[in-house]
PDB file of all heavy atoms in Angstrom:
ATOM      1  N   SER A   1       8.923  -5.754   1.914  1.00  0.00           N
ATOM      2  CA  SER A   1       8.783  -6.477   3.178  1.00  0.00           C
ATOM      3  C   SER A   1      10.095  -6.417   3.935  1.00  0.00           C
ATOM      4  O   SER A   1      11.161  -6.151   3.358  1.00  0.00           O
ATOM      5  CB  SER A   1       8.376  -7.940   2.946  1.00  0.00           C
ATOM      6  OG  SER A   1       9.420  -8.665   2.317  1.00  0.00           O
ATOM      7  N   PHE A   2      10.017  -6.650   5.233  1.00  0.00           N
ATOM      8  CA  PHE A   2      11.218  -6.775   6.054  1.00  0.00           C
ATOM      9  C   PHE A   2      10.869  -7.635   7.253  1.00  0.00           C
ATOM     10  O   PHE A   2       9.713  -7.697   7.681  1.00  0.00           O
ATOM     11  CB  PHE A   2      11.756  -5.406   6.493  1.00  0.00           C
ATOM     12  CG  PHE A   2      10.822  -4.623   7.373  1.00  0.00           C
ATOM     13  CD1 PHE A   2      10.908  -4.699   8.761  1.00  0.00           C
ATOM     14  CD2 PHE A   2       9.862  -3.785   6.820  1.00  0.00           C
ATOM     15  CE1 PHE A   2      10.047  -3.972   9.574  1.00  0.00           C
ATOM     16  CE2 PHE A   2       9.007  -3.041   7.627  1.00  0.00           C
ATOM     17  CZ  PHE A   2       9.096  -3.136   9.007  1.00  0.00           C
ATOM     18  N   GLN A   3      11.876  -8.311   7.797  1.00  0.00           N
ATOM     19  CA  GLN A   3      11.662  -9.206   8.930  1.00  0.00           C
ATOM     20  C   GLN A   3      12.462  -8.728  10.123  1.00  0.00           C
ATOM     21  O   GLN A   3      13.661  -8.452  10.034  1.00  0.00           O
ATOM     22  CB  GLN A   3      12.064 -10.640   8.588  1.00  0.00           C
ATOM     23  CG  GLN A   3      11.783 -11.634   9.718  1.00  0.00           C
ATOM     24  CD  GLN A   3      12.064 -13.075   9.341  1.00  0.00           C
ATOM     25  OE1 GLN A   3      12.165 -13.409   8.154  1.00  0.00           O
ATOM     26  NE2 GLN A   3      12.209 -13.941  10.333  1.00  0.00           N
ATOM     27  N   VAL A   4      11.787  -8.620  11.277  1.00  0.00           N
ATOM     28  CA  VAL A   4      12.419  -8.330  12.553  1.00  0.00           C
ATOM     29  C   VAL A   4      12.037  -9.451  13.508  1.00  0.00           C
ATOM     30  O   VAL A   4      10.845  -9.689  13.743  1.00  0.00           O
ATOM     31  CB  VAL A   4      11.977  -6.972  13.108  1.00  0.00           C
ATOM     32  CG1 VAL A   4      12.528  -6.759  14.516  1.00  0.00           C
ATOM     33  CG2 VAL A   4      12.432  -5.843  12.192  1.00  0.00           C
ATOM     34  N   GLY A   5      13.022 -10.138  14.054  1.00  0.00           N
ATOM     35  CA  GLY A   5      12.723 -11.298  14.888  1.00  0.00           C
ATOM     36  C   GLY A   5      11.918 -12.298  14.090  1.00  0.00           C
ATOM     37  O   GLY A   5      12.275 -12.663  12.958  1.00  0.00           O
ATOM     38  N   SER A   6      10.802 -12.748  14.652  1.00  0.00           N
ATOM     39  CA  SER A   6       9.958 -13.734  13.966  1.00  0.00           C
ATOM     40  C   SER A   6       8.747 -13.080  13.299  1.00  0.00           C
ATOM     41  O   SER A   6       7.793 -13.765  12.936  1.00  0.00           O
ATOM     42  CB  SER A   6       9.478 -14.788  14.965  1.00  0.00           C
ATOM     43  OG  SER A   6       8.731 -14.187  16.011  1.00  0.00           O
ATOM     44  N   VAL A   7       8.796 -11.748  13.115  1.00  0.00           N
ATOM     45  CA  VAL A   7       7.680 -11.007  12.514  1.00  0.00           C
ATOM     46  C   VAL A   7       8.074 -10.539  11.118  1.00  0.00           C
ATOM     47  O   VAL A   7       9.075  -9.826  10.957  1.00  0.00           O
ATOM     48  CB  VAL A   7       7.283  -9.795  13.369  1.00  0.00           C
ATOM     49  CG1 VAL A   7       6.154  -9.015  12.705  1.00  0.00           C
ATOM     50  CG2 VAL A   7       6.873 -10.242  14.773  1.00  0.00           C
ATOM     51  N   LEU A   8       7.294 -10.930  10.125  1.00  0.00           N
ATOM     52  CA  LEU A   8       7.457 -10.424   8.769  1.00  0.00           C
ATOM     53  C   LEU A   8       6.450  -9.303   8.555  1.00  0.00           C
ATOM     54  O   LEU A   8       5.234  -9.514   8.673  1.00  0.00           O
ATOM     55  CB  LEU A   8       7.230 -11.523   7.731  1.00  0.00           C
ATOM     56  CG  LEU A   8       7.353 -11.054   6.270  1.00  0.00           C
ATOM     57  CD1 LEU A   8       8.808 -10.751   5.922  1.00  0.00           C
ATOM     58  CD2 LEU A   8       6.778 -12.090   5.303  1.00  0.00           C
ATOM     59  N   CYS A   9       6.948  -8.116   8.260  1.00  0.00           N
ATOM     60  CA  CYS A   9       6.089  -6.971   7.946  1.00  0.00           C
ATOM     61  C   CYS A   9       6.045  -6.792   6.440  1.00  0.00           C
ATOM     62  O   CYS A   9       7.086  -6.778   5.773  1.00  0.00           O
ATOM     63  CB  CYS A   9       6.620  -5.707   8.611  1.00  0.00           C
ATOM     64  SG  CYS A   9       6.558  -5.743  10.416  1.00  0.00           S
ATOM     65  N   VAL A  10       4.847  -6.649   5.908  1.00  0.00           N
ATOM     66  CA  VAL A  10       4.641  -6.529   4.468  1.00  0.00           C
ATOM     67  C   VAL A  10       3.904  -5.225   4.208  1.00  0.00           C
ATOM     68  O   VAL A  10       2.787  -5.024   4.699  1.00  0.00           O
ATOM     69  CB  VAL A  10       3.832  -7.722   3.914  1.00  0.00           C
ATOM     70  CG1 VAL A  10       3.658  -7.590   2.407  1.00  0.00           C
ATOM     71  CG2 VAL A  10       4.499  -9.042   4.273  1.00  0.00           C
ATOM     72  N   SER A  11       4.515  -4.337   3.454  1.00  0.00           N
ATOM     73  CA  SER A  11       3.901  -3.057   3.099  1.00  0.00           C
ATOM     74  C   SER A  11       3.339  -3.151   1.684  1.00  0.00           C
ATOM     75  O   SER A  11       4.057  -3.519   0.746  1.00  0.00           O
ATOM     76  CB  SER A  11       4.940  -1.935   3.175  1.00  0.00           C
ATOM     77  OG  SER A  11       4.373  -0.698   2.777  1.00  0.00           O
ATOM     78  N   ILE A  12       2.067  -2.804   1.533  1.00  0.00           N
ATOM     79  CA  ILE A  12       1.347  -2.968   0.271  1.00  0.00           C
ATOM     80  C   ILE A  12       0.876  -1.606  -0.236  1.00  0.00           C
ATOM     81  O   ILE A  12       0.475  -0.748   0.550  1.00  0.00           O
ATOM     82  CB  ILE A  12       0.136  -3.904   0.467  1.00  0.00           C
ATOM     83  CG1 ILE A  12       0.609  -5.330   0.764  1.00  0.00           C
ATOM     84  CG2 ILE A  12      -0.776  -3.904  -0.759  1.00  0.00           C
ATOM     85  CD1 ILE A  12      -0.522  -6.284   1.073  1.00  0.00           C
ATOM     86  N   ASP A  13       0.909  -1.428  -1.547  1.00  0.00           N
ATOM     87  CA  ASP A  13       0.358  -0.221  -2.163  1.00  0.00           C
ATOM     88  C   ASP A  13      -1.096  -0.467  -2.530  1.00  0.00           C
ATOM     89  O   ASP A  13      -1.404  -1.049  -3.573  1.00  0.00           O
ATOM     90  CB  ASP A  13       1.158   0.160  -3.406  1.00  0.00           C
ATOM     91  CG  ASP A  13       0.662   1.463  -4.030  1.00  0.00           C
ATOM     92  OD1 ASP A  13      -0.282   2.065  -3.480  1.00  0.00           O
ATOM     93  OD2 ASP A  13       1.214   1.871  -5.076  1.00  0.00           O
ATOM     94  N   GLY A  14      -2.007  -0.001  -1.680  1.00  0.00           N
ATOM     95  CA  GLY A  14      -3.430  -0.193  -1.924  1.00  0.00           C
ATOM     96  C   GLY A  14      -3.955   0.588  -3.109  1.00  0.00           C
ATOM     97  O   GLY A  14      -5.026   0.265  -3.644  1.00  0.00           O
ATOM     98  N   ASN A  15      -3.236   1.636  -3.550  1.00  0.00           N
ATOM     99  CA  ASN A  15      -3.698   2.387  -4.716  1.00  0.00           C
ATOM    100  C   ASN A  15      -3.721   1.531  -5.974  1.00  0.00           C
ATOM    101  O   ASN A  15      -4.478   1.813  -6.910  1.00  0.00           O
ATOM    102  CB  ASN A  15      -2.796   3.607  -4.943  1.00  0.00           C
ATOM    103  CG  ASN A  15      -2.854   4.599  -3.802  1.00  0.00           C
ATOM    104  OD1 ASN A  15      -3.916   4.889  -3.272  1.00  0.00           O
ATOM    105  ND2 ASN A  15      -1.700   5.117  -3.403  1.00  0.00           N
ATOM    106  N   ASP A  16      -2.910   0.504  -6.009  1.00  0.00           N
ATOM    107  CA  ASP A  16      -2.866  -0.432  -7.132  1.00  0.00           C
ATOM    108  C   ASP A  16      -4.030  -1.422  -7.088  1.00  0.00           C
ATOM    109  O   ASP A  16      -4.386  -2.011  -8.114  1.00  0.00           O
ATOM    110  CB  ASP A  16      -1.528  -1.180  -7.089  1.00  0.00           C
ATOM    111  CG  ASP A  16      -1.330  -2.164  -8.219  1.00  0.00           C
ATOM    112  OD1 ASP A  16      -1.756  -1.873  -9.356  1.00  0.00           O
ATOM    113  OD2 ASP A  16      -0.733  -3.235  -7.967  1.00  0.00           O
ATOM    114  N   ILE A  17      -4.633  -1.596  -5.917  1.00  0.00           N
ATOM    115  CA  ILE A  17      -5.618  -2.657  -5.686  1.00  0.00           C
ATOM    116  C   ILE A  17      -7.039  -2.113  -5.551  1.00  0.00           C
ATOM    117  O   ILE A  17      -7.996  -2.683  -6.080  1.00  0.00           O
ATOM    118  CB  ILE A  17      -5.257  -3.449  -4.417  1.00  0.00           C
ATOM    119  CG1 ILE A  17      -3.813  -3.963  -4.481  1.00  0.00           C
ATOM    120  CG2 ILE A  17      -6.240  -4.583  -4.195  1.00  0.00           C
ATOM    121  CD1 ILE A  17      -3.540  -4.951  -5.578  1.00  0.00           C
ATOM    122  N   ALA A  18      -7.196  -1.021  -4.817  1.00  0.00           N
ATOM    123  CA  ALA A  18      -8.527  -0.509  -4.470  1.00  0.00           C
ATOM    124  C   ALA A  18      -9.256   0.021  -5.705  1.00  0.00           C
ATOM    125  O   ALA A  18      -8.657   0.661  -6.577  1.00  0.00           O
ATOM    126  CB  ALA A  18      -8.409   0.589  -3.425  1.00  0.00           C
ATOM    127  N   VAL A  19     -10.577  -0.236  -5.758  1.00  0.00           N
ATOM    128  CA  VAL A  19     -11.372   0.285  -6.878  1.00  0.00           C
ATOM    129  C   VAL A  19     -11.775   1.738  -6.658  1.00  0.00           C
ATOM    130  O   VAL A  19     -12.145   2.434  -7.606  1.00  0.00           O
ATOM    131  CB  VAL A  19     -12.642  -0.569  -7.111  1.00  0.00           C
ATOM    132  CG1 VAL A  19     -12.271  -1.991  -7.471  1.00  0.00           C
ATOM    133  CG2 VAL A  19     -13.575  -0.528  -5.904  1.00  0.00           C
ATOM    134  N   GLU A  20     -11.716   2.215  -5.433  1.00  0.00           N
ATOM    135  CA  GLU A  20     -12.123   3.585  -5.137  1.00  0.00           C
ATOM    136  C   GLU A  20     -11.274   4.592  -5.900  1.00  0.00           C
ATOM    137  O   GLU A  20     -10.061   4.407  -6.067  1.00  0.00           O
ATOM    138  CB  GLU A  20     -11.992   3.864  -3.644  1.00  0.00           C
ATOM    139  CG  GLU A  20     -12.417   5.264  -3.247  1.00  0.00           C
ATOM    140  CD  GLU A  20     -12.144   5.571  -1.786  1.00  0.00           C
ATOM    141  OE1 GLU A  20     -11.305   4.898  -1.177  1.00  0.00           O
ATOM    142  OE2 GLU A  20     -12.787   6.497  -1.255  1.00  0.00           O
ATOM    143  N   ASP A  21     -11.893   5.661  -6.339  1.00  0.00           N
ATOM    144  CA  ASP A  21     -11.205   6.761  -7.000  1.00  0.00           C
ATOM    145  C   ASP A  21     -11.149   7.926  -6.022  1.00  0.00           C
ATOM    146  O   ASP A  21     -12.063   8.743  -5.941  1.00  0.00           O
ATOM    147  CB  ASP A  21     -11.954   7.155  -8.275  1.00  0.00           C
ATOM    148  CG  ASP A  21     -11.214   8.225  -9.077  1.00  0.00           C
ATOM    149  OD1 ASP A  21     -10.162   8.689  -8.609  1.00  0.00           O
ATOM    150  OD2 ASP A  21     -11.704   8.585 -10.163  1.00  0.00           O
ATOM    151  N   ASP A  22     -10.064   8.016  -5.264  1.00  0.00           N
ATOM    152  CA  ASP A  22      -9.931   9.062  -4.243  1.00  0.00           C
ATOM    153  C   ASP A  22      -8.510   9.596  -4.293  1.00  0.00           C
ATOM    154  O   ASP A  22      -7.699   9.346  -3.418  1.00  0.00           O
ATOM    155  CB  ASP A  22     -10.257   8.514  -2.857  1.00  0.00           C
ATOM    156  CG  ASP A  22     -10.182   9.597  -1.784  1.00  0.00           C
ATOM    157  OD1 ASP A  22     -10.235  10.782  -2.158  1.00  0.00           O
ATOM    158  OD2 ASP A  22     -10.044   9.265  -0.602  1.00  0.00           O
ATOM    159  N   SER A  23      -8.187  10.294  -5.359  1.00  0.00           N
ATOM    160  CA  SER A  23      -6.826  10.758  -5.556  1.00  0.00           C
ATOM    161  C   SER A  23      -6.839  12.190  -6.070  1.00  0.00           C
ATOM    162  O   SER A  23      -7.886  12.830  -6.165  1.00  0.00           O
ATOM    163  CB  SER A  23      -6.085   9.841  -6.528  1.00  0.00           C
ATOM    164  OG  SER A  23      -6.816   9.687  -7.732  1.00  0.00           O
ATOM    165  N   SER A  24      -5.670  12.682  -6.416  1.00  0.00           N
ATOM    166  CA  SER A  24      -5.528  14.075  -6.836  1.00  0.00           C
ATOM    167  C   SER A  24      -6.226  14.336  -8.164  1.00  0.00           C
ATOM    168  O   SER A  24      -6.347  13.451  -9.015  1.00  0.00           O
ATOM    169  CB  SER A  24      -4.040  14.414  -6.986  1.00  0.00           C
ATOM    170  OG  SER A  24      -3.366  14.329  -5.776  1.00  0.00           O
ATOM    171  N   LEU A  25      -6.631  15.598  -8.342  1.00  0.00           N
ATOM    172  CA  LEU A  25      -7.101  16.063  -9.637  1.00  0.00           C
ATOM    173  C   LEU A  25      -5.943  16.719 -10.373  1.00  0.00           C
ATOM    174  O   LEU A  25      -5.185  17.512  -9.788  1.00  0.00           O
ATOM    175  CB  LEU A  25      -8.238  17.068  -9.469  1.00  0.00           C
ATOM    176  CG  LEU A  25      -9.556  16.529  -8.914  1.00  0.00           C
ATOM    177  CD1 LEU A  25     -10.564  17.674  -8.777  1.00  0.00           C
ATOM    178  CD2 LEU A  25     -10.117  15.430  -9.796  1.00  0.00           C
ATOM    179  N   ASP A  26      -5.787  16.372 -11.617  1.00  0.00           N
ATOM    180  CA  ASP A  26      -4.783  17.012 -12.459  1.00  0.00           C
ATOM    181  C   ASP A  26      -5.327  18.375 -12.874  1.00  0.00           C
ATOM    182  O   ASP A  26      -6.351  18.454 -13.565  1.00  0.00           O
ATOM    183  CB  ASP A  26      -4.516  16.147 -13.687  1.00  0.00           C
ATOM    184  CG  ASP A  26      -3.383  16.684 -14.538  1.00  0.00           C
ATOM    185  OD1 ASP A  26      -3.128  17.903 -14.495  1.00  0.00           O
ATOM    186  OD2 ASP A  26      -2.760  15.896 -15.260  1.00  0.00           O
ATOM    187  N   PRO A  27      -4.690  19.478 -12.455  1.00  0.00           N
ATOM    188  CA  PRO A  27      -5.228  20.801 -12.801  1.00  0.00           C
ATOM    189  C   PRO A  27      -5.338  21.028 -14.307  1.00  0.00           C
ATOM    190  O   PRO A  27      -6.191  21.795 -14.762  1.00  0.00           O
ATOM    191  CB  PRO A  27      -4.219  21.762 -12.169  1.00  0.00           C
ATOM    192  CG  PRO A  27      -3.535  20.971 -11.104  1.00  0.00           C
ATOM    193  CD  PRO A  27      -3.491  19.569 -11.621  1.00  0.00           C
TER     194      PRO A  27
END
């Protein structure tokens, strides 16, 4: 996260949360 002025921006890793399997295939 980082704060600019009165805005807190929060960056989240959805790959840790989402149930969908939409990623690379290991060759």
